[in-house]
Amino acid sequence: MKILIIPYNIDKTTATWKLINDIESLWNTKKYKIVKYKNNLGKLITLFKLKIKYPKKEIILMYPLFFLTTMNFLIKLLHIIPTLIWKNKINLFIYDLPIEHNKYINWTIPTIFDKIYEKYIFKISSKIFCFNKKMLIYIRKNYNIKKNKIYTYEILAAFHKYSTNKNNTIYTKWIVYIWNINQNYWLDLNKVKFNLEIFWETNNTNQMINNKIIIKSKVKYNILIEELTKYKFWLVDYSNNIKSYLKYWTWSKLLIYIISGLPILVNKELEYPSYIVKKYKLWIVYSNINDIPKILKSIDENKYKKIKKNINNFKATFKTPKSYIKNYLPYF
């Protein structure tokens, strides 16, 4: 038995809630025990209690979620003591590299302690799971991690528990784009010359830009699938600030859009997301965003159905926790 440790008071309007929901679904079997904590203090107490009760078991932790919910130096320092008692008993799932990520979006300035702290977390883990080969190489190169303790999982789990529009051959709208709450991610809307609707990850009122772009108020992730089925295509693009980092990473939201059945239009400069789209034939990788209207005109109903079939085939590879583990986590 392994023990998954996750928070339970995550806001359902956030991508983090979606990530936790899927990870919990993945390990919700008799072979695993799920333990939830409320805050930083509860997290630390939980680690001590579990070590007393299950001294020989392994634990599964999410990185950076479990460790970096705060930038407070003291809180980070306090994480070191309980994690030391679990040394070589931690299975670490990495879905982001916050220090490297920060170079592109400038959340905060990483300190020497941050780098030491990240290295410590990776070193004490018995097994590490990360997105892709480039992330794996980055971790091994920067933290001297042994080859036999690090694995890739390619995509995060995304188990479909949401309702969808059953009559999804009737589309009321064309292209949808999801805006991240951090402005450093934002696509330059001045470059967009076609109609586009945007869901923004924050609370705001609907607004119109240039008579072309509608920005819609926040939609909770637990009902987002149903909203997305009203559209025909999904646009994936970001500002130049973040594009270089996307050789390591793809956001957990990507799978939400895929299970909604939307064909994806992705900028080729987004290296890893465009790789996933090409590999599984989820649709078009483009160079110039304003080529999109021309691309769409070339798609008739038969071509569209073929694209949708490819998406459904891909979805089947992670339809259940069992199929996901078989295809993406053979180690387990």
C-alpha atoms as a PDB file:
ATOM      1  CA  MET A   1       0.000   0.000   0.000  1.00  0.00           C
ATOM      2  CA  LYS A   2       1.133   3.535  -0.836  1.00  0.00           C
ATOM      3  CA  ILE A   3      -0.284   6.706   0.707  1.00  0.00           C
ATOM      4  CA  LEU A   4      -1.331   9.745  -1.365  1.00  0.00           C
ATOM      5  CA  ILE A   5      -1.266  13.035   0.573  1.00  0.00           C
ATOM      6  CA  ILE A   6      -3.339  15.893  -0.899  1.00  0.00           C
ATOM      7  CA  PRO A   7      -5.187  19.058   0.249  1.00  0.00           C
ATOM      8  CA  TYR A   8      -8.988  19.030   0.524  1.00  0.00           C
ATOM      9  CA  ASN A   9      -9.978  22.700   0.611  1.00  0.00           C
ATOM     10  CA  ILE A  10      -9.076  23.700  -2.967  1.00  0.00           C
ATOM     11  CA  ASP A  11     -11.287  26.248  -4.769  1.00  0.00           C
ATOM     12  CA  LYS A  12     -13.298  24.443  -7.475  1.00  0.00           C
ATOM     13  CA  THR A  13     -12.844  27.365  -9.866  1.00  0.00           C
ATOM     14  CA  THR A  14      -9.105  26.731 -10.157  1.00  0.00           C
ATOM     15  CA  ALA A  15      -6.941  24.471 -12.320  1.00  0.00           C
ATOM     16  CA  THR A  16      -5.347  23.157  -9.108  1.00  0.00           C
ATOM     17  CA  TRP A  17      -8.718  21.713  -8.052  1.00  0.00           C
ATOM     18  CA  LYS A  18      -8.907  19.890 -11.372  1.00  0.00           C
ATOM     19  CA  LEU A  19      -5.390  18.520 -10.918  1.00  0.00           C
ATOM     20  CA  ILE A  20      -6.130  17.275  -7.386  1.00  0.00           C
ATOM     21  CA  ASN A  21      -9.458  15.791  -8.458  1.00  0.00           C
ATOM     22  CA  ASP A  22      -7.801  13.743 -11.199  1.00  0.00           C
ATOM     23  CA  ILE A  23      -4.873  12.616  -9.065  1.00  0.00           C
ATOM     24  CA  GLU A  24      -7.279  11.515  -6.331  1.00  0.00           C
ATOM     25  CA  SER A  25      -9.297   9.534  -8.902  1.00  0.00           C
ATOM     26  CA  LEU A  26      -6.122   7.843 -10.128  1.00  0.00           C
ATOM     27  CA  TRP A  27      -5.103   6.501  -6.722  1.00  0.00           C
ATOM     28  CA  ASN A  28      -8.587   5.839  -5.351  1.00  0.00           C
ATOM     29  CA  THR A  29      -8.162   2.041  -5.198  1.00  0.00           C
ATOM     30  CA  LYS A  30      -7.612  -0.572  -2.498  1.00  0.00           C
ATOM     31  CA  LYS A  31      -3.862  -0.495  -3.172  1.00  0.00           C
ATOM     32  CA  TYR A  32      -3.602   3.120  -2.040  1.00  0.00           C
ATOM     33  CA  LYS A  33      -4.691   5.144   0.952  1.00  0.00           C
ATOM     34  CA  ILE A  34      -5.681   8.794   0.420  1.00  0.00           C
ATOM     35  CA  VAL A  35      -4.999  11.235   3.259  1.00  0.00           C
ATOM     36  CA  LYS A  36      -6.034  14.915   3.083  1.00  0.00           C
ATOM     37  CA  TYR A  37      -4.734  17.955   4.936  1.00  0.00           C
ATOM     38  CA  LYS A  38      -6.226  21.413   5.399  1.00  0.00           C
ATOM     39  CA  ASN A  39      -3.255  23.781   5.767  1.00  0.00           C
ATOM     40  CA  ASN A  40       0.523  23.895   6.236  1.00  0.00           C
ATOM     41  CA  LEU A  41       0.369  22.924   9.897  1.00  0.00           C
ATOM     42  CA  GLY A  42      -2.041  20.072   9.142  1.00  0.00           C
ATOM     43  CA  LYS A  43       0.259  18.909   6.371  1.00  0.00           C
ATOM     44  CA  LEU A  44       3.251  18.617   8.706  1.00  0.00           C
ATOM     45  CA  ILE A  45       1.269  16.898  11.477  1.00  0.00           C
ATOM     46  CA  THR A  46      -0.088  14.448   8.887  1.00  0.00           C
ATOM     47  CA  LEU A  47       3.432  13.406   7.848  1.00  0.00           C
ATOM     48  CA  PHE A  48       4.429  12.650  11.448  1.00  0.00           C
ATOM     49  CA  LYS A  49       1.233  10.736  12.222  1.00  0.00           C
ATOM     50  CA  LEU A  50       1.490   8.612   9.086  1.00  0.00           C
ATOM     51  CA  LYS A  51       5.114   7.751   9.812  1.00  0.00           C
ATOM     52  CA  ILE A  52       4.126   6.446  13.253  1.00  0.00           C
ATOM     53  CA  LYS A  53       1.182   4.459  11.879  1.00  0.00           C
ATOM     54  CA  TYR A  54       2.759   3.227   8.618  1.00  0.00           C
ATOM     55  CA  PRO A  55       6.540   3.315   9.171  1.00  0.00           C
ATOM     56  CA  LYS A  56       7.445   1.102   6.189  1.00  0.00           C
ATOM     57  CA  LYS A  57       4.979   2.429   3.607  1.00  0.00           C
ATOM     58  CA  GLU A  58       5.707   4.845   0.755  1.00  0.00           C
ATOM     59  CA  ILE A  59       3.958   8.185   0.261  1.00  0.00           C
ATOM     60  CA  ILE A  60       2.978   9.996  -2.963  1.00  0.00           C
ATOM     61  CA  LEU A  61       3.471  13.778  -2.989  1.00  0.00           C
ATOM     62  CA  MET A  62       2.766  16.396  -5.668  1.00  0.00           C
ATOM     63  CA  TYR A  63       5.488  18.888  -6.552  1.00  0.00           C
ATOM     64  CA  PRO A  64       5.342  21.854  -6.255  1.00  0.00           C
ATOM     65  CA  LEU A  65       1.836  21.752  -4.714  1.00  0.00           C
ATOM     66  CA  PHE A  66       2.799  19.979  -1.481  1.00  0.00           C
ATOM     67  CA  PHE A  67       5.977  21.971  -0.886  1.00  0.00           C
ATOM     68  CA  LEU A  68       5.523  25.437  -2.349  1.00  0.00           C
ATOM     69  CA  THR A  69       2.052  26.583  -1.368  1.00  0.00           C
ATOM     70  CA  THR A  70       3.812  29.480   0.323  1.00  0.00           C
ATOM     71  CA  MET A  71       7.011  31.372  -0.401  1.00  0.00           C
ATOM     72  CA  ASN A  72       7.589  31.856   3.341  1.00  0.00           C
ATOM     73  CA  PHE A  73      11.137  30.796   4.228  1.00  0.00           C
ATOM     74  CA  LEU A  74      10.212  29.444   7.673  1.00  0.00           C
ATOM     75  CA  ILE A  75       7.361  27.288   6.324  1.00  0.00           C
ATOM     76  CA  LYS A  76       9.676  25.813   3.702  1.00  0.00           C
ATOM     77  CA  LEU A  77      12.273  25.118   6.362  1.00  0.00           C
ATOM     78  CA  LEU A  78       9.677  23.334   8.506  1.00  0.00           C
ATOM     79  CA  HIS A  79       8.957  20.971   5.583  1.00  0.00           C
ATOM     80  CA  ILE A  80      12.476  19.607   5.785  1.00  0.00           C
ATOM     81  CA  ILE A  81      12.079  17.922   9.202  1.00  0.00           C
ATOM     82  CA  PRO A  82       9.031  15.692   8.486  1.00  0.00           C
ATOM     83  CA  THR A  83      10.153  14.874   4.933  1.00  0.00           C
ATOM     84  CA  LEU A  84      13.520  13.709   6.294  1.00  0.00           C
ATOM     85  CA  ILE A  85      11.765  10.962   8.241  1.00  0.00           C
ATOM     86  CA  TRP A  86      10.256   9.778   4.938  1.00  0.00           C
ATOM     87  CA  LYS A  87      13.608   9.786   3.133  1.00  0.00           C
ATOM     88  CA  ASN A  88      13.692   7.235   0.292  1.00  0.00           C
ATOM     89  CA  LYS A  89       9.975   6.543   0.838  1.00  0.00           C
ATOM     90  CA  ILE A  90       8.621   9.410  -1.298  1.00  0.00           C
ATOM     91  CA  ASN A  91       7.167   9.004  -4.811  1.00  0.00           C
ATOM     92  CA  LEU A  92       7.274  12.528  -6.232  1.00  0.00           C
ATOM     93  CA  PHE A  93       4.948  13.629  -9.060  1.00  0.00           C
ATOM     94  CA  ILE A  94       6.373  16.770 -10.679  1.00  0.00           C
ATOM     95  CA  TYR A  95       3.955  18.811 -12.794  1.00  0.00           C
ATOM     96  CA  ASP A  96       5.944  22.068 -12.793  1.00  0.00           C
ATOM     97  CA  LEU A  97       9.478  23.371 -12.193  1.00  0.00           C
ATOM     98  CA  PRO A  98       8.781  26.600 -10.295  1.00  0.00           C
ATOM     99  CA  ILE A  99      12.353  27.919 -10.218  1.00  0.00           C
ATOM    100  CA  GLU A 100      12.859  27.428 -13.954  1.00  0.00           C
ATOM    101  CA  HIS A 101       9.280  28.558 -14.683  1.00  0.00           C
ATOM    102  CA  ASN A 102       9.895  31.753 -12.753  1.00  0.00           C
ATOM    103  CA  LYS A 103      12.615  32.845 -15.185  1.00  0.00           C
ATOM    104  CA  TYR A 104       9.948  33.423 -17.805  1.00  0.00           C
ATOM    105  CA  ILE A 105       7.120  35.015 -15.832  1.00  0.00           C
ATOM    106  CA  ASN A 106       8.832  36.745 -12.886  1.00  0.00           C
ATOM    107  CA  TRP A 107       6.568  35.739  -9.999  1.00  0.00           C
ATOM    108  CA  THR A 108       9.364  36.232  -7.487  1.00  0.00           C
ATOM    109  CA  ILE A 109      13.142  36.147  -7.504  1.00  0.00           C
ATOM    110  CA  PRO A 110      14.353  32.644  -6.496  1.00  0.00           C
ATOM    111  CA  THR A 111      16.933  32.612  -3.724  1.00  0.00           C
ATOM    112  CA  ILE A 112      19.884  30.279  -3.218  1.00  0.00           C
ATOM    113  CA  PHE A 113      17.791  28.558  -0.543  1.00  0.00           C
ATOM    114  CA  ASP A 114      15.005  27.887  -3.084  1.00  0.00           C
ATOM    115  CA  LYS A 115      17.447  26.018  -5.320  1.00  0.00           C
ATOM    116  CA  ILE A 116      18.914  24.053  -2.418  1.00  0.00           C
ATOM    117  CA  TYR A 117      15.391  23.273  -1.213  1.00  0.00           C
ATOM    118  CA  GLU A 118      14.304  21.955  -4.615  1.00  0.00           C
ATOM    119  CA  LYS A 119      17.428  19.822  -4.902  1.00  0.00           C
ATOM    120  CA  TYR A 120      16.822  18.428  -1.396  1.00  0.00           C
ATOM    121  CA  ILE A 121      13.241  17.418  -2.288  1.00  0.00           C
ATOM    122  CA  PHE A 122      14.367  15.606  -5.435  1.00  0.00           C
ATOM    123  CA  LYS A 123      17.276  13.891  -3.689  1.00  0.00           C
ATOM    124  CA  ILE A 124      15.250  12.408  -0.805  1.00  0.00           C
ATOM    125  CA  SER A 125      12.607  10.970  -3.150  1.00  0.00           C
ATOM    126  CA  SER A 126      12.837   7.284  -4.029  1.00  0.00           C
ATOM    127  CA  LYS A 127      11.020   7.710  -7.355  1.00  0.00           C
ATOM    128  CA  ILE A 128      10.402  10.838  -9.440  1.00  0.00           C
ATOM    129  CA  PHE A 129       7.795  11.177 -12.195  1.00  0.00           C
ATOM    130  CA  CYS A 130       7.896  14.095 -14.635  1.00  0.00           C
ATOM    131  CA  PHE A 131       6.259  15.138 -17.927  1.00  0.00           C
ATOM    132  CA  ASN A 132       8.762  14.395 -20.648  1.00  0.00           C
ATOM    133  CA  LYS A 133      12.364  13.668 -21.622  1.00  0.00           C
ATOM    134  CA  LYS A 134      13.400  17.335 -21.603  1.00  0.00           C
ATOM    135  CA  MET A 135      12.093  17.816 -18.069  1.00  0.00           C
ATOM    136  CA  LEU A 136      13.808  14.567 -17.080  1.00  0.00           C
ATOM    137  CA  ILE A 137      17.129  15.739 -18.584  1.00  0.00           C
ATOM    138  CA  TYR A 138      16.790  19.125 -16.869  1.00  0.00           C
ATOM    139  CA  ILE A 139      16.269  17.492 -13.454  1.00  0.00           C
ATOM    140  CA  ARG A 140      19.093  15.000 -13.884  1.00  0.00           C
ATOM    141  CA  LYS A 141      21.514  17.653 -15.159  1.00  0.00           C
ATOM    142  CA  ASN A 142      20.743  20.298 -12.526  1.00  0.00           C
ATOM    143  CA  TYR A 143      20.286  18.030  -9.503  1.00  0.00           C
ATOM    144  CA  ASN A 144      22.425  14.989 -10.320  1.00  0.00           C
ATOM    145  CA  ILE A 145      19.533  12.528 -10.030  1.00  0.00           C
ATOM    146  CA  LYS A 146      20.254   8.878 -10.835  1.00  0.00           C
ATOM    147  CA  LYS A 147      18.769   7.560 -14.050  1.00  0.00           C
ATOM    148  CA  ASN A 148      17.018   4.604 -12.401  1.00  0.00           C
ATOM    149  CA  LYS A 149      14.856   6.755 -10.089  1.00  0.00           C
ATOM    150  CA  ILE A 150      13.224   9.117 -12.588  1.00  0.00           C
ATOM    151  CA  TYR A 151      10.430   8.346 -15.074  1.00  0.00           C
ATOM    152  CA  THR A 152       8.212  10.247 -17.512  1.00  0.00           C
ATOM    153  CA  TYR A 153       4.401  10.108 -17.639  1.00  0.00           C
ATOM    154  CA  GLU A 154       3.795  12.337 -20.717  1.00  0.00           C
ATOM    155  CA  ILE A 155       0.344  13.599 -19.701  1.00  0.00           C
ATOM    156  CA  LEU A 156      -1.434  14.142 -16.401  1.00  0.00           C
ATOM    157  CA  ALA A 157      -4.478  12.042 -15.610  1.00  0.00           C
ATOM    158  CA  ALA A 158      -7.857  13.476 -16.593  1.00  0.00           C
ATOM    159  CA  PHE A 159     -10.715  11.153 -15.760  1.00  0.00           C
ATOM    160  CA  HIS A 160     -13.993  12.205 -17.284  1.00  0.00           C
ATOM    161  CA  LYS A 161     -16.512  12.706 -14.491  1.00  0.00           C
ATOM    162  CA  TYR A 162     -18.180  15.714 -16.082  1.00  0.00           C
ATOM    163  CA  SER A 163     -21.421  16.033 -18.027  1.00  0.00           C
ATOM    164  CA  THR A 164     -21.139  16.851 -21.743  1.00  0.00           C
ATOM    165  CA  ASN A 165     -23.364  18.091 -24.504  1.00  0.00           C
ATOM    166  CA  LYS A 166     -24.671  14.805 -25.999  1.00  0.00           C
ATOM    167  CA  ASN A 167     -25.755  16.533 -29.195  1.00  0.00           C
ATOM    168  CA  ASN A 168     -22.197  17.702 -29.832  1.00  0.00           C
ATOM    169  CA  THR A 169     -22.493  17.813 -33.622  1.00  0.00           C
ATOM    170  CA  ILE A 170     -24.490  21.050 -33.325  1.00  0.00           C
ATOM    171  CA  TYR A 171     -22.130  23.914 -32.554  1.00  0.00           C
ATOM    172  CA  THR A 172     -23.314  27.367 -31.604  1.00  0.00           C
ATOM    173  CA  LYS A 173     -19.839  28.975 -31.558  1.00  0.00           C
ATOM    174  CA  TRP A 174     -16.465  28.560 -33.254  1.00  0.00           C
ATOM    175  CA  ILE A 175     -13.239  29.189 -31.356  1.00  0.00           C
ATOM    176  CA  VAL A 176     -12.578  29.349 -27.623  1.00  0.00           C
ATOM    177  CA  TYR A 177      -9.420  30.385 -25.762  1.00  0.00           C
ATOM    178  CA  ILE A 178      -8.632  30.103 -22.051  1.00  0.00           C
ATOM    179  CA  TRP A 179      -6.832  33.044 -20.457  1.00  0.00           C
ATOM    180  CA  ASN A 180      -4.548  32.417 -17.500  1.00  0.00           C
ATOM    181  CA  ILE A 181      -4.870  34.670 -14.454  1.00  0.00           C
ATOM    182  CA  ASN A 182      -1.177  35.656 -14.749  1.00  0.00           C
ATOM    183  CA  GLN A 183      -0.761  38.431 -17.322  1.00  0.00           C
ATOM    184  CA  ASN A 184       2.691  37.164 -18.311  1.00  0.00           C
ATOM    185  CA  TYR A 185       0.938  34.280 -20.102  1.00  0.00           C
ATOM    186  CA  TRP A 186      -1.437  36.383 -22.152  1.00  0.00           C
ATOM    187  CA  LEU A 187      -1.615  36.199 -25.903  1.00  0.00           C
ATOM    188  CA  ASP A 188      -1.361  39.620 -27.583  1.00  0.00           C
ATOM    189  CA  LEU A 189      -4.966  40.196 -28.603  1.00  0.00           C
ATOM    190  CA  ASN A 190      -3.960  42.961 -30.997  1.00  0.00           C
ATOM    191  CA  LYS A 191      -2.585  40.243 -33.267  1.00  0.00           C
ATOM    192  CA  VAL A 192      -5.905  38.399 -33.459  1.00  0.00           C
ATOM    193  CA  LYS A 193      -7.975  39.314 -36.537  1.00  0.00           C
ATOM    194  CA  PHE A 194     -10.820  36.804 -36.200  1.00  0.00           C
ATOM    195  CA  ASN A 195     -13.733  36.162 -33.812  1.00  0.00           C
ATOM    196  CA  LEU A 196     -12.649  34.607 -30.540  1.00  0.00           C
ATOM    197  CA  GLU A 197     -14.311  33.941 -27.188  1.00  0.00           C
ATOM    198  CA  ILE A 198     -12.176  33.841 -24.055  1.00  0.00           C
ATOM    199  CA  PHE A 199     -12.752  32.325 -20.639  1.00  0.00           C
ATOM    200  CA  TRP A 200     -10.636  34.240 -18.176  1.00  0.00           C
ATOM    201  CA  GLU A 201      -9.379  32.575 -14.974  1.00  0.00           C
ATOM    202  CA  THR A 202     -10.573  35.302 -12.682  1.00  0.00           C
ATOM    203  CA  ASN A 203     -13.788  36.997 -11.584  1.00  0.00           C
ATOM    204  CA  ASN A 204     -14.808  39.668 -14.048  1.00  0.00           C
ATOM    205  CA  THR A 205     -17.771  40.714 -16.143  1.00  0.00           C
ATOM    206  CA  ASN A 206     -18.207  39.875 -19.810  1.00  0.00           C
ATOM    207  CA  GLN A 207     -16.592  42.418 -22.111  1.00  0.00           C
ATOM    208  CA  MET A 208     -15.927  42.978 -25.817  1.00  0.00           C
ATOM    209  CA  ILE A 209     -12.614  43.960 -27.448  1.00  0.00           C
ATOM    210  CA  ASN A 210     -12.388  45.369 -30.996  1.00  0.00           C
ATOM    211  CA  ASN A 211     -15.780  43.890 -31.889  1.00  0.00           C
ATOM    212  CA  LYS A 212     -13.946  40.594 -32.444  1.00  0.00           C
ATOM    213  CA  ILE A 213     -13.081  39.214 -29.038  1.00  0.00           C
ATOM    214  CA  ILE A 214     -15.438  38.492 -26.156  1.00  0.00           C
ATOM    215  CA  ILE A 215     -13.947  37.965 -22.702  1.00  0.00           C
ATOM    216  CA  LYS A 216     -16.309  35.914 -20.553  1.00  0.00           C
ATOM    217  CA  SER A 217     -16.532  35.754 -16.777  1.00  0.00           C
ATOM    218  CA  LYS A 218     -14.989  32.926 -14.804  1.00  0.00           C
ATOM    219  CA  VAL A 219     -16.433  29.427 -15.228  1.00  0.00           C
ATOM    220  CA  LYS A 220     -15.804  26.744 -12.588  1.00  0.00           C
ATOM    221  CA  TYR A 221     -13.718  23.819 -13.779  1.00  0.00           C
ATOM    222  CA  ASN A 222     -16.320  21.298 -12.649  1.00  0.00           C
ATOM    223  CA  ILE A 223     -18.758  22.657 -15.276  1.00  0.00           C
ATOM    224  CA  LEU A 224     -16.232  23.837 -17.874  1.00  0.00           C
ATOM    225  CA  ILE A 225     -16.513  20.688 -20.024  1.00  0.00           C
ATOM    226  CA  GLU A 226     -20.174  21.363 -20.679  1.00  0.00           C
ATOM    227  CA  GLU A 227     -19.390  24.969 -21.629  1.00  0.00           C
ATOM    228  CA  LEU A 228     -16.621  23.917 -24.016  1.00  0.00           C
ATOM    229  CA  THR A 229     -18.900  21.563 -25.961  1.00  0.00           C
ATOM    230  CA  LYS A 230     -20.677  24.661 -27.276  1.00  0.00           C
ATOM    231  CA  TYR A 231     -17.582  25.425 -29.358  1.00  0.00           C
ATOM    232  CA  LYS A 232     -16.008  23.797 -32.389  1.00  0.00           C
ATOM    233  CA  PHE A 233     -12.273  24.466 -31.887  1.00  0.00           C
ATOM    234  CA  TRP A 234      -9.924  25.325 -29.075  1.00  0.00           C
ATOM    235  CA  LEU A 235      -7.007  27.747 -29.492  1.00  0.00           C
ATOM    236  CA  VAL A 236      -3.736  27.120 -27.618  1.00  0.00           C
ATOM    237  CA  ASP A 237      -1.324  30.035 -27.649  1.00  0.00           C
ATOM    238  CA  TYR A 238       0.578  32.126 -25.125  1.00  0.00           C
ATOM    239  CA  SER A 239       2.740  35.212 -24.967  1.00  0.00           C
ATOM    240  CA  ASN A 240       6.374  35.073 -26.041  1.00  0.00           C
ATOM    241  CA  ASN A 241       7.314  35.382 -22.341  1.00  0.00           C
ATOM    242  CA  ILE A 242       6.382  31.793 -21.551  1.00  0.00           C
ATOM    243  CA  LYS A 243       6.832  29.925 -24.850  1.00  0.00           C
ATOM    244  CA  SER A 244      10.397  28.759 -24.157  1.00  0.00           C
ATOM    245  CA  TYR A 245       9.363  27.102 -20.893  1.00  0.00           C
ATOM    246  CA  LEU A 246       6.794  24.975 -22.703  1.00  0.00           C
ATOM    247  CA  LYS A 247       9.446  22.530 -23.860  1.00  0.00           C
ATOM    248  CA  TYR A 248       9.233  21.010 -20.363  1.00  0.00           C
ATOM    249  CA  TRP A 249       5.623  21.298 -19.500  1.00  0.00           C
ATOM    250  CA  THR A 250       1.995  21.218 -20.510  1.00  0.00           C
ATOM    251  CA  TRP A 251      -0.681  22.520 -18.209  1.00  0.00           C
ATOM    252  CA  SER A 252      -3.178  20.215 -16.499  1.00  0.00           C
ATOM    253  CA  LYS A 253      -6.038  22.068 -18.234  1.00  0.00           C
ATOM    254  CA  LEU A 254      -5.001  20.592 -21.597  1.00  0.00           C
ATOM    255  CA  LEU A 255      -6.746  17.325 -20.783  1.00  0.00           C
ATOM    256  CA  ILE A 256      -9.970  19.128 -19.855  1.00  0.00           C
ATOM    257  CA  TYR A 257     -10.210  20.466 -23.381  1.00  0.00           C
ATOM    258  CA  ILE A 258      -9.335  17.131 -24.935  1.00  0.00           C
ATOM    259  CA  ILE A 259     -12.036  15.254 -23.036  1.00  0.00           C
ATOM    260  CA  SER A 260     -14.528  17.897 -24.162  1.00  0.00           C
ATOM    261  CA  GLY A 261     -13.764  16.626 -27.686  1.00  0.00           C
ATOM    262  CA  LEU A 262     -12.498  19.909 -29.120  1.00  0.00           C
ATOM    263  CA  PRO A 263      -9.982  19.801 -31.987  1.00  0.00           C
ATOM    264  CA  ILE A 264      -6.951  21.874 -31.000  1.00  0.00           C
ATOM    265  CA  LEU A 265      -5.236  24.737 -32.810  1.00  0.00           C
ATOM    266  CA  VAL A 266      -1.785  25.105 -31.233  1.00  0.00           C
ATOM    267  CA  ASN A 267       1.142  27.421 -31.930  1.00  0.00           C
ATOM    268  CA  LYS A 268       4.203  25.433 -33.059  1.00  0.00           C
ATOM    269  CA  GLU A 269       6.400  27.535 -30.741  1.00  0.00           C
ATOM    270  CA  LEU A 270       4.729  25.819 -27.768  1.00  0.00           C
ATOM    271  CA  GLU A 271       7.075  22.873 -28.033  1.00  0.00           C
ATOM    272  CA  TYR A 272       5.614  20.201 -25.782  1.00  0.00           C
ATOM    273  CA  PRO A 273       1.886  20.947 -26.284  1.00  0.00           C
ATOM    274  CA  SER A 274       2.421  20.987 -30.064  1.00  0.00           C
ATOM    275  CA  TYR A 275       4.304  17.672 -29.790  1.00  0.00           C
ATOM    276  CA  ILE A 276       1.294  16.094 -27.998  1.00  0.00           C
ATOM    277  CA  VAL A 277      -1.128  17.488 -30.590  1.00  0.00           C
ATOM    278  CA  LYS A 278       0.949  16.148 -33.511  1.00  0.00           C
ATOM    279  CA  LYS A 279       1.696  12.775 -31.937  1.00  0.00           C
ATOM    280  CA  TYR A 280      -1.945  11.952 -31.230  1.00  0.00           C
ATOM    281  CA  LYS A 281      -3.390  13.784 -34.277  1.00  0.00           C
ATOM    282  CA  LEU A 282      -5.478  16.117 -32.142  1.00  0.00           C
ATOM    283  CA  TRP A 283      -5.378  18.527 -35.035  1.00  0.00           C
ATOM    284  CA  ILE A 284      -3.459  21.557 -36.335  1.00  0.00           C
ATOM    285  CA  VAL A 285      -0.114  23.052 -35.360  1.00  0.00           C
ATOM    286  CA  TYR A 286       0.125  26.530 -36.910  1.00  0.00           C
ATOM    287  CA  SER A 287       2.849  29.168 -37.356  1.00  0.00           C
ATOM    288  CA  ASN A 288       0.857  32.373 -37.811  1.00  0.00           C
ATOM    289  CA  ILE A 289      -2.254  32.874 -35.706  1.00  0.00           C
ATOM    290  CA  ASN A 290      -4.012  34.765 -38.492  1.00  0.00           C
ATOM    291  CA  ASP A 291      -3.734  31.764 -40.803  1.00  0.00           C
ATOM    292  CA  ILE A 292      -6.423  30.127 -38.676  1.00  0.00           C
ATOM    293  CA  PRO A 293      -9.466  31.422 -40.628  1.00  0.00           C
ATOM    294  CA  LYS A 294      -7.928  30.041 -43.841  1.00  0.00           C
ATOM    295  CA  ILE A 295      -7.227  26.697 -42.136  1.00  0.00           C
ATOM    296  CA  LEU A 296     -10.802  26.443 -40.880  1.00  0.00           C
ATOM    297  CA  LYS A 297     -12.238  27.098 -44.336  1.00  0.00           C
ATOM    298  CA  SER A 298     -10.402  24.035 -45.635  1.00  0.00           C
ATOM    299  CA  ILE A 299     -12.174  21.742 -43.144  1.00  0.00           C
ATOM    300  CA  ASP A 300     -15.394  20.121 -44.336  1.00  0.00           C
ATOM    301  CA  GLU A 301     -17.698  18.011 -42.168  1.00  0.00           C
ATOM    302  CA  ASN A 302     -16.015  14.708 -43.117  1.00  0.00           C
ATOM    303  CA  LYS A 303     -12.568  16.001 -42.174  1.00  0.00           C
ATOM    304  CA  TYR A 304     -13.951  17.325 -38.929  1.00  0.00           C
ATOM    305  CA  LYS A 305     -15.475  13.940 -38.039  1.00  0.00           C
ATOM    306  CA  LYS A 306     -12.128  12.245 -38.717  1.00  0.00           C
ATOM    307  CA  ILE A 307     -10.373  14.669 -36.355  1.00  0.00           C
ATOM    308  CA  LYS A 308     -12.998  14.012 -33.688  1.00  0.00           C
ATOM    309  CA  LYS A 309     -12.443  10.268 -34.096  1.00  0.00           C
ATOM    310  CA  ASN A 310      -8.704  10.713 -33.445  1.00  0.00           C
ATOM    311  CA  ILE A 311      -9.505  12.692 -30.307  1.00  0.00           C
ATOM    312  CA  ASN A 312     -11.869   9.987 -29.061  1.00  0.00           C
ATOM    313  CA  ASN A 313      -9.187   7.335 -29.655  1.00  0.00           C
ATOM    314  CA  PHE A 314      -6.743   9.373 -27.603  1.00  0.00           C
ATOM    315  CA  LYS A 315      -9.280   9.904 -24.816  1.00  0.00           C
ATOM    316  CA  ALA A 316      -9.715   6.128 -24.560  1.00  0.00           C
ATOM    317  CA  THR A 317      -6.079   5.792 -23.441  1.00  0.00           C
ATOM    318  CA  PHE A 318      -6.895   7.526 -20.151  1.00  0.00           C
ATOM    319  CA  LYS A 319     -10.603   6.766 -19.815  1.00  0.00           C
ATOM    320  CA  THR A 320     -10.084   5.003 -16.476  1.00  0.00           C
ATOM    321  CA  PRO A 321      -7.289   4.965 -13.879  1.00  0.00           C
ATOM    322  CA  LYS A 322      -6.427   1.427 -15.027  1.00  0.00           C
ATOM    323  CA  SER A 323      -6.015   2.443 -18.689  1.00  0.00           C
ATOM    324  CA  TYR A 324      -4.056   5.558 -17.701  1.00  0.00           C
ATOM    325  CA  ILE A 325      -1.585   3.577 -15.601  1.00  0.00           C
ATOM    326  CA  LYS A 326      -1.183   0.986 -18.364  1.00  0.00           C
ATOM    327  CA  ASN A 327      -0.410   3.625 -21.008  1.00  0.00           C
ATOM    328  CA  TYR A 328       1.433   6.309 -19.057  1.00  0.00           C
ATOM    329  CA  LEU A 329       2.606   4.868 -15.741  1.00  0.00           C
ATOM    330  CA  PRO A 330       3.787   1.326 -16.483  1.00  0.00           C
ATOM    331  CA  TYR A 331       6.055   1.507 -13.410  1.00  0.00           C
ATOM    332  CA  PHE A 332       2.946   1.095 -11.219  1.00  0.00           C
END
